PDB file of N, CA and C in Angstrom:
ATOM      1  N   MET A   1      21.786 -29.425  31.456  1.00  0.00           N
ATOM      2  CA  MET A   1      21.164 -28.598  32.504  1.00  0.00           C
ATOM      3  C   MET A   1      22.181 -27.709  32.937  1.00  0.00           C
ATOM      4  N   PHE A   2      21.999 -26.311  32.622  1.00  0.00           N
ATOM      5  CA  PHE A   2      22.711 -25.609  32.738  1.00  0.00           C
ATOM      6  C   PHE A   2      23.021 -25.103  35.068  1.00  0.00           C
ATOM      7  N   MET A   3      24.433 -24.801  34.969  1.00  0.00           N
ATOM      8  CA  MET A   3      24.471 -24.765  36.474  1.00  0.00           C
ATOM      9  C   MET A   3      24.683 -22.727  36.485  1.00  0.00           C
ATOM     10  N   GLU A   4      24.078 -22.413  37.472  1.00  0.00           N
ATOM     11  CA  GLU A   4      23.773 -21.095  38.000  1.00  0.00           C
ATOM     12  C   GLU A   4      25.103 -20.783  37.989  1.00  0.00           C
ATOM     13  N   ARG A   5      25.370 -19.264  37.610  1.00  0.00           N
ATOM     14  CA  ARG A   5      26.618 -18.882  37.838  1.00  0.00           C
ATOM     15  C   ARG A   5      26.868 -18.349  38.874  1.00  0.00           C
ATOM     16  N   GLU A   6      28.483 -18.309  39.632  1.00  0.00           N
ATOM     17  CA  GLU A   6      28.358 -18.507  40.824  1.00  0.00           C
ATOM     18  C   GLU A   6      29.282 -17.072  40.803  1.00  0.00           C
ATOM     19  N   TYR A   7      28.925 -16.337  41.887  1.00  0.00           N
ATOM     20  CA  TYR A   7      29.558 -15.116  42.218  1.00  0.00           C
ATOM     21  C   TYR A   7      30.546 -14.737  43.603  1.00  0.00           C
ATOM     22  N   THR A   8      31.740 -14.888  43.508  1.00  0.00           N
ATOM     23  CA  THR A   8      32.453 -14.765  44.497  1.00  0.00           C
ATOM     24  C   THR A   8      32.815 -13.330  45.529  1.00  0.00           C
ATOM     25  N   ARG A   9      33.302 -13.324  46.558  1.00  0.00           N
ATOM     26  CA  ARG A   9      32.908 -12.504  47.172  1.00  0.00           C
ATOM     27  C   ARG A   9      34.323 -11.354  46.659  1.00  0.00           C
ATOM     28  N   GLY A  10      35.078 -11.840  45.512  1.00  0.00           N
ATOM     29  CA  GLY A  10      37.026 -11.131  45.657  1.00  0.00           C
ATOM     30  C   GLY A  10      35.897 -10.500  43.897  1.00  0.00           C
ATOM     31  N   MET A  11      34.682 -11.290  43.637  1.00  0.00           N
ATOM     32  CA  MET A  11      34.428 -10.631  42.066  1.00  0.00           C
ATOM     33  C   MET A  11      33.935  -9.411  42.781  1.00  0.00           C
ATOM     34  N   TYR A  12      32.986  -9.103  44.066  1.00  0.00           N
ATOM     35  CA  TYR A  12      32.535  -8.291  44.523  1.00  0.00           C
ATOM     36  C   TYR A  12      32.744  -7.045  44.694  1.00  0.00           C
ATOM     37  N   LEU A  13      33.922  -7.445  45.661  1.00  0.00           N
ATOM     38  CA  LEU A  13      34.476  -5.940  45.710  1.00  0.00           C
ATOM     39  C   LEU A  13      35.558  -5.916  44.548  1.00  0.00           C
ATOM     40  N   TYR A  14      36.052  -6.545  43.638  1.00  0.00           N
ATOM     41  CA  TYR A  14      36.668  -6.016  42.183  1.00  0.00           C
ATOM     42  C   TYR A  14      35.350  -5.338  41.701  1.00  0.00           C
ATOM     43  N   MET A  15      33.984  -5.962  41.457  1.00  0.00           N
ATOM     44  CA  MET A  15      33.464  -4.782  41.314  1.00  0.00           C
ATOM     45  C   MET A  15      33.274  -2.819  42.096  1.00  0.00           C
ATOM     46  N   GLU A  16      33.151  -3.478  43.262  1.00  0.00           N
ATOM     47  CA  GLU A  16      33.048  -2.248  43.959  1.00  0.00           C
ATOM     48  C   GLU A  16      34.584  -0.902  43.321  1.00  0.00           C
ATOM     49  N   CYS A  17      35.876  -1.921  43.738  1.00  0.00           N
ATOM     50  CA  CYS A  17      37.102  -0.289  42.533  1.00  0.00           C
ATOM     51  C   CYS A  17      36.766  -0.886  41.321  1.00  0.00           C
ATOM     52  N   LEU A  18      36.267  -1.473  40.216  1.00  0.00           N
ATOM     53  CA  LEU A  18      35.551  -0.462  38.933  1.00  0.00           C
ATOM     54  C   LEU A  18      34.195   0.408  39.177  1.00  0.00           C
ATOM     55  N   LYS A  19      33.735   0.702  40.212  1.00  0.00           N
ATOM     56  CA  LYS A  19      32.819   1.745  40.188  1.00  0.00           C
ATOM     57  C   LYS A  19      33.509   2.407  40.382  1.00  0.00           C
ATOM     58  N   VAL A  20      34.419   2.772  41.547  1.00  0.00           N
ATOM     59  CA  VAL A  20      34.709   3.534  41.830  1.00  0.00           C
ATOM     60  C   VAL A  20      36.043   4.663  40.554  1.00  0.00           C
ATOM     61  N   ALA A  21      36.301   3.670  40.220  1.00  0.00           N
ATOM     62  CA  ALA A  21      37.678   3.845  38.583  1.00  0.00           C
ATOM     63  C   ALA A  21      36.451   4.014  37.521  1.00  0.00           C
ATOM     64  N   PHE A  22      35.103   3.778  37.243  1.00  0.00           N
ATOM     65  CA  PHE A  22      34.122   4.575  36.124  1.00  0.00           C
ATOM     66  C   PHE A  22      33.602   5.539  36.590  1.00  0.00           C
ATOM     67  N   GLU A  23      33.931   6.423  37.761  1.00  0.00           N
ATOM     68  CA  GLU A  23      32.634   7.410  39.011  1.00  0.00           C
ATOM     69  C   GLU A  23      33.211   8.519  37.303  1.00  0.00           C
ATOM     70  N   ASP A  24      34.177   9.079  36.609  1.00  0.00           N
ATOM     71  CA  ASP A  24      34.196   9.878  35.656  1.00  0.00           C
ATOM     72  C   ASP A  24      34.262   9.178  34.208  1.00  0.00           C
ATOM     73  N   GLU A  25      33.287   8.322  34.072  1.00  0.00           N
ATOM     74  CA  GLU A  25      33.418   7.471  33.062  1.00  0.00           C
ATOM     75  C   GLU A  25      34.809   6.857  31.846  1.00  0.00           C
ATOM     76  N   ILE A  26      36.078   7.134  33.020  1.00  0.00           N
ATOM     77  CA  ILE A  26      37.531   7.526  31.889  1.00  0.00           C
ATOM     78  C   ILE A  26      37.960   6.115  33.098  1.00  0.00           C
ATOM     79  N   VAL A  27      39.075   5.087  32.566  1.00  0.00           N
ATOM     80  CA  VAL A  27      39.839   4.616  33.203  1.00  0.00           C
ATOM     81  C   VAL A  27      40.914   4.806  32.592  1.00  0.00           C
ATOM     82  N   THR A  28      42.141   5.501  32.978  1.00  0.00           N
ATOM     83  CA  THR A  28      43.133   6.049  33.071  1.00  0.00           C
ATOM     84  C   THR A  28      43.840   4.720  33.181  1.00  0.00           C
ATOM     85  N   SER A  29      45.477   4.428  31.893  1.00  0.00           N
ATOM     86  CA  SER A  29      45.641   3.421  32.278  1.00  0.00           C
ATOM     87  C   SER A  29      46.481   3.041  33.607  1.00  0.00           C
ATOM     88  N   ASP A  30      47.191   4.158  34.425  1.00  0.00           N
ATOM     89  CA  ASP A  30      47.118   3.515  36.060  1.00  0.00           C
ATOM     90  C   ASP A  30      46.284   3.064  36.244  1.00  0.00           C
ATOM     91  N   GLU A  31      44.846   3.416  36.433  1.00  0.00           N
ATOM     92  CA  GLU A  31      44.596   3.024  37.166  1.00  0.00           C
ATOM     93  C   GLU A  31      43.932   1.227  36.899  1.00  0.00           C
ATOM     94  N   ALA A  32      43.723   1.507  35.178  1.00  0.00           N
ATOM     95  CA  ALA A  32      43.442  -0.005  34.976  1.00  0.00           C
ATOM     96  C   ALA A  32      44.885  -1.474  35.561  1.00  0.00           C
ATOM     97  N   GLU A  33      45.554  -0.437  35.521  1.00  0.00           N
ATOM     98  CA  GLU A  33      47.410  -1.640  35.577  1.00  0.00           C
ATOM     99  C   GLU A  33      46.617  -2.158  37.423  1.00  0.00           C
ATOM    100  N   ILE A  34      46.155  -0.510  37.549  1.00  0.00           N
ATOM    101  CA  ILE A  34      45.892  -1.184  39.402  1.00  0.00           C
ATOM    102  C   ILE A  34      44.419  -2.123  39.647  1.00  0.00           C
ATOM    103  N   LEU A  35      43.819  -1.987  38.463  1.00  0.00           N
ATOM    104  CA  LEU A  35      42.423  -3.010  38.463  1.00  0.00           C
ATOM    105  C   LEU A  35      43.029  -4.431  38.501  1.00  0.00           C
ATOM    106  N   LYS A  36      44.718  -4.329  36.853  1.00  0.00           N
ATOM    107  CA  LYS A  36      44.996  -5.959  36.877  1.00  0.00           C
ATOM    108  C   LYS A  36      45.671  -6.326  38.228  1.00  0.00           C
ATOM    109  N   ILE A  37      46.140  -5.862  38.987  1.00  0.00           N
ATOM    110  CA  ILE A  37      46.705  -6.319  40.384  1.00  0.00           C
ATOM    111  C   ILE A  37      45.380  -6.793  41.122  1.00  0.00           C
ATOM    112  N   ILE A  38      44.091  -5.928  41.053  1.00  0.00           N
ATOM    113  CA  ILE A  38      44.177  -6.137  42.050  1.00  0.00           C
ATOM    114  C   ILE A  38      43.061  -7.725  41.551  1.00  0.00           C
ATOM    115  N   ALA A  39      43.020  -7.279  40.377  1.00  0.00           N
ATOM    116  CA  ALA A  39      41.255  -8.690  39.746  1.00  0.00           C
ATOM    117  C   ALA A  39      42.917  -9.504  40.403  1.00  0.00           C
ATOM    118  N   VAL A  40      43.920  -9.782  40.273  1.00  0.00           N
ATOM    119  CA  VAL A  40      44.835 -10.756  40.761  1.00  0.00           C
ATOM    120  C   VAL A  40      45.235 -11.024  41.549  1.00  0.00           C
ATOM    121  N   ALA A  41      44.907 -10.035  42.786  1.00  0.00           N
ATOM    122  CA  ALA A  41      45.136 -10.466  44.137  1.00  0.00           C
ATOM    123  C   ALA A  41      43.852 -11.181  44.660  1.00  0.00           C
ATOM    124  N   LEU A  42      42.247 -10.920  44.199  1.00  0.00           N
ATOM    125  CA  LEU A  42      41.166 -11.283  44.599  1.00  0.00           C
ATOM    126  C   LEU A  42      40.795 -12.563  43.875  1.00  0.00           C
ATOM    127  N   ASP A  43      41.805 -13.171  42.748  1.00  0.00           N
ATOM    128  CA  ASP A  43      41.672 -14.274  42.452  1.00  0.00           C
ATOM    129  C   ASP A  43      40.519 -14.187  41.109  1.00  0.00           C
ATOM    130  N   VAL A  44      40.101 -13.048  40.087  1.00  0.00           N
ATOM    131  CA  VAL A  44      39.361 -12.746  39.227  1.00  0.00           C
ATOM    132  C   VAL A  44      39.193 -13.141  38.195  1.00  0.00           C
ATOM    133  N   GLN A  45      38.822 -13.821  37.447  1.00  0.00           N
ATOM    134  CA  GLN A  45      39.811 -14.829  36.166  1.00  0.00           C
ATOM    135  C   GLN A  45      39.104 -13.264  35.013  1.00  0.00           C
ATOM    136  N   PRO A  46      40.233 -13.095  34.003  1.00  0.00           N
ATOM    137  CA  PRO A  46      39.173 -11.970  32.987  1.00  0.00           C
ATOM    138  C   PRO A  46      38.433 -11.745  32.690  1.00  0.00           C
ATOM    139  N   SER A  47      38.052 -13.537  32.337  1.00  0.00           N
ATOM    140  CA  SER A  47      36.147 -13.478  31.709  1.00  0.00           C
ATOM    141  C   SER A  47      35.573 -12.389  32.737  1.00  0.00           C
ATOM    142  N   ASP A  48      35.532 -13.390  33.721  1.00  0.00           N
ATOM    143  CA  ASP A  48      34.561 -12.252  34.947  1.00  0.00           C
ATOM    144  C   ASP A  48      35.340 -10.823  34.472  1.00  0.00           C
ATOM    145  N   THR A  49      36.053 -10.331  34.539  1.00  0.00           N
ATOM    146  CA  THR A  49      36.181  -8.540  34.642  1.00  0.00           C
ATOM    147  C   THR A  49      35.682  -8.106  33.549  1.00  0.00           C
ATOM    148  N   ALA A  50      35.049  -8.774  32.812  1.00  0.00           N
ATOM    149  CA  ALA A  50      34.462  -8.339  31.323  1.00  0.00           C
ATOM    150  C   ALA A  50      33.362  -8.383  31.763  1.00  0.00           C
ATOM    151  N   GLU A  51      32.927  -9.202  32.591  1.00  0.00           N
ATOM    152  CA  GLU A  51      31.541  -9.692  32.552  1.00  0.00           C
ATOM    153  C   GLU A  51      30.624  -7.919  33.798  1.00  0.00           C
ATOM    154  N   LEU A  52      32.423  -7.971  35.103  1.00  0.00           N
ATOM    155  CA  LEU A  52      31.867  -7.432  36.270  1.00  0.00           C
ATOM    156  C   LEU A  52      31.708  -5.768  35.889  1.00  0.00           C
ATOM    157  N   ARG A  53      32.575  -5.729  34.171  1.00  0.00           N
ATOM    158  CA  ARG A  53      32.849  -3.881  33.801  1.00  0.00           C
ATOM    159  C   ARG A  53      31.144  -4.273  32.945  1.00  0.00           C
ATOM    160  N   SER A  54      30.933  -4.834  32.709  1.00  0.00           N
ATOM    161  CA  SER A  54      29.140  -4.606  32.223  1.00  0.00           C
ATOM    162  C   SER A  54      27.932  -4.188  32.982  1.00  0.00           C
ATOM    163  N   ILE A  55      29.193  -5.149  33.925  1.00  0.00           N
ATOM    164  CA  ILE A  55      27.581  -4.785  35.547  1.00  0.00           C
ATOM    165  C   ILE A  55      27.107  -3.529  35.683  1.00  0.00           C
ATOM    166  N   VAL A  56      28.729  -2.700  35.767  1.00  0.00           N
ATOM    167  CA  VAL A  56      29.745  -1.730  36.192  1.00  0.00           C
ATOM    168  C   VAL A  56      28.450  -0.493  35.446  1.00  0.00           C
ATOM    169  N   THR A  57      28.810  -0.802  34.152  1.00  0.00           N
ATOM    170  CA  THR A  57      28.712   0.048  33.038  1.00  0.00           C
ATOM    171  C   THR A  57      27.213  -0.027  32.932  1.00  0.00           C
ATOM    172  N   GLY A  58      26.099  -0.756  33.398  1.00  0.00           N
ATOM    173  CA  GLY A  58      24.752  -0.946  33.032  1.00  0.00           C
ATOM    174  C   GLY A  58      24.118  -2.309  32.287  1.00  0.00           C
ATOM    175  N   GLU A  59      25.730  -2.285  31.909  1.00  0.00           N
ATOM    176  CA  GLU A  59      24.370  -3.288  30.338  1.00  0.00           C
ATOM    177  C   GLU A  59      24.221  -4.458  30.709  1.00  0.00           C
ATOM    178  N   ILE A  60      24.502  -5.256  32.017  1.00  0.00           N
ATOM    179  CA  ILE A  60      23.850  -6.227  32.368  1.00  0.00           C
ATOM    180  C   ILE A  60      23.264  -6.004  33.932  1.00  0.00           C
ATOM    181  N   PRO A  61      22.238  -6.835  34.054  1.00  0.00           N
ATOM    182  CA  PRO A  61      22.087  -6.542  36.213  1.00  0.00           C
ATOM    183  C   PRO A  61      23.193  -6.820  37.041  1.00  0.00           C
ATOM    184  N   ASN A  62      22.699  -5.951  38.121  1.00  0.00           N
ATOM    185  CA  ASN A  62      23.283  -6.247  39.103  1.00  0.00           C
ATOM    186  C   ASN A  62      22.610  -7.510  39.670  1.00  0.00           C
ATOM    187  N   PRO A  63      24.048  -8.874  39.995  1.00  0.00           N
ATOM    188  CA  PRO A  63      23.324 -10.079  40.228  1.00  0.00           C
ATOM    189  C   PRO A  63      23.596  -9.795  42.102  1.00  0.00           C
ATOM    190  N   PHE A  64      24.726  -8.761  42.365  1.00  0.00           N
ATOM    191  CA  PHE A  64      24.888  -8.583  44.059  1.00  0.00           C
ATOM    192  C   PHE A  64      24.162  -7.566  44.398  1.00  0.00           C
ATOM    193  N   VAL A  65      22.590  -7.523  43.985  1.00  0.00           N
ATOM    194  CA  VAL A  65      21.919  -6.060  44.845  1.00  0.00           C
ATOM    195  C   VAL A  65      20.888  -7.133  45.788  1.00  0.00           C
ATOM    196  N   LEU A  66      20.049  -8.418  45.229  1.00  0.00           N
ATOM    197  CA  LEU A  66      19.163  -9.426  46.539  1.00  0.00           C
ATOM    198  C   LEU A  66      20.258  -9.420  47.258  1.00  0.00           C
ATOM    199  N   SER A  67      21.694  -9.674  47.080  1.00  0.00           N
ATOM    200  CA  SER A  67      22.160 -10.593  48.372  1.00  0.00           C
ATOM    201  C   SER A  67      23.764  -9.637  48.753  1.00  0.00           C
ATOM    202  N   ASP A  68      23.394  -8.490  48.629  1.00  0.00           N
ATOM    203  CA  ASP A  68      24.782  -8.374  48.938  1.00  0.00           C
ATOM    204  C   ASP A  68      25.565  -8.592  50.473  1.00  0.00           C
ATOM    205  N   GLN A  69      24.255  -8.673  51.680  1.00  0.00           N
ATOM    206  CA  GLN A  69      24.993  -9.156  52.363  1.00  0.00           C
ATOM    207  C   GLN A  69      26.277  -9.981  52.595  1.00  0.00           C
ATOM    208  N   GLU A  70      26.114 -11.007  51.803  1.00  0.00           N
ATOM    209  CA  GLU A  70      26.850 -12.047  52.012  1.00  0.00           C
ATOM    210  C   GLU A  70      27.906 -11.456  51.362  1.00  0.00           C
ATOM    211  N   TYR A  71      28.208 -10.458  50.591  1.00  0.00           N
ATOM    212  CA  TYR A  71      29.860  -9.629  50.786  1.00  0.00           C
ATOM    213  C   TYR A  71      30.345  -8.602  50.930  1.00  0.00           C
ATOM    214  N   THR A  72      29.379  -8.070  51.957  1.00  0.00           N
ATOM    215  CA  THR A  72      29.743  -6.963  52.734  1.00  0.00           C
ATOM    216  C   THR A  72      30.623  -6.752  53.908  1.00  0.00           C
ATOM    217  N   GLY A  73      30.647  -6.260  54.489  1.00  0.00           N
ATOM    218  CA  GLY A  73      31.312  -6.176  55.984  1.00  0.00           C
ATOM    219  C   GLY A  73      32.343  -7.200  56.018  1.00  0.00           C
ATOM    220  N   TYR A  74      33.302  -7.540  56.800  1.00  0.00           N
ATOM    221  CA  TYR A  74      34.401  -7.754  57.061  1.00  0.00           C
ATOM    222  C   TYR A  74      34.050  -9.536  57.491  1.00  0.00           C
ATOM    223  N   GLN A  75      34.956  -9.627  57.224  1.00  0.00           N
ATOM    224  CA  GLN A  75      34.648 -11.562  56.965  1.00  0.00           C
ATOM    225  C   GLN A  75      36.251 -11.925  57.210  1.00  0.00           C
ATOM    226  N   VAL A  76      36.361 -13.257  57.591  1.00  0.00           N
ATOM    227  CA  VAL A  76      37.646 -13.885  58.214  1.00  0.00           C
ATOM    228  C   VAL A  76      38.263 -13.742  57.031  1.00  0.00           C
ATOM    229  N   GLY A  77      39.533 -13.308  57.170  1.00  0.00           N
ATOM    230  CA  GLY A  77      40.643 -13.387  56.638  1.00  0.00           C
ATOM    231  C   GLY A  77      41.071 -11.837  56.073  1.00  0.00           C
ATOM    232  N   ASP A  78      40.079 -10.751  56.196  1.00  0.00           N
ATOM    233  CA  ASP A  78      40.277  -9.377  55.656  1.00  0.00           C
ATOM    234  C   ASP A  78      41.108  -8.859  56.285  1.00  0.00           C
ATOM    235  N   ALA A  79      41.779  -8.009  55.827  1.00  0.00           N
ATOM    236  CA  ALA A  79      42.438  -6.894  56.191  1.00  0.00           C
ATOM    237  C   ALA A  79      42.418  -5.573  56.670  1.00  0.00           C
ATOM    238  N   SER A  80      42.235  -5.519  57.980  1.00  0.00           N
ATOM    239  CA  SER A  80      42.345  -3.605  57.968  1.00  0.00           C
ATOM    240  C   SER A  80      42.624  -2.993  58.588  1.00  0.00           C
ATOM    241  N   MET A  81      42.278  -1.800  58.907  1.00  0.00           N
ATOM    242  CA  MET A  81      42.892  -0.759  58.878  1.00  0.00           C
ATOM    243  C   MET A  81      42.738   0.608  60.638  1.00  0.00           C
TER     244      MET A  81
END
């Protein structure tokens, strides 16, 4: 029996950062370092970052599309300005 993959809000937020980094289809070394820091801060594992990169580049379908309401907007614990 296979368990369904659990996607977290941290993964969603990291993916949104990846989208910005990939807008020009080039990720600079500075952007890569920033993405590493964001991944650690959001508790996104290295294997998850690879999967999220594949989602951003269109290699695999986006699992967040049908359930964006769960991940978007402000939630308890978010910082705001």
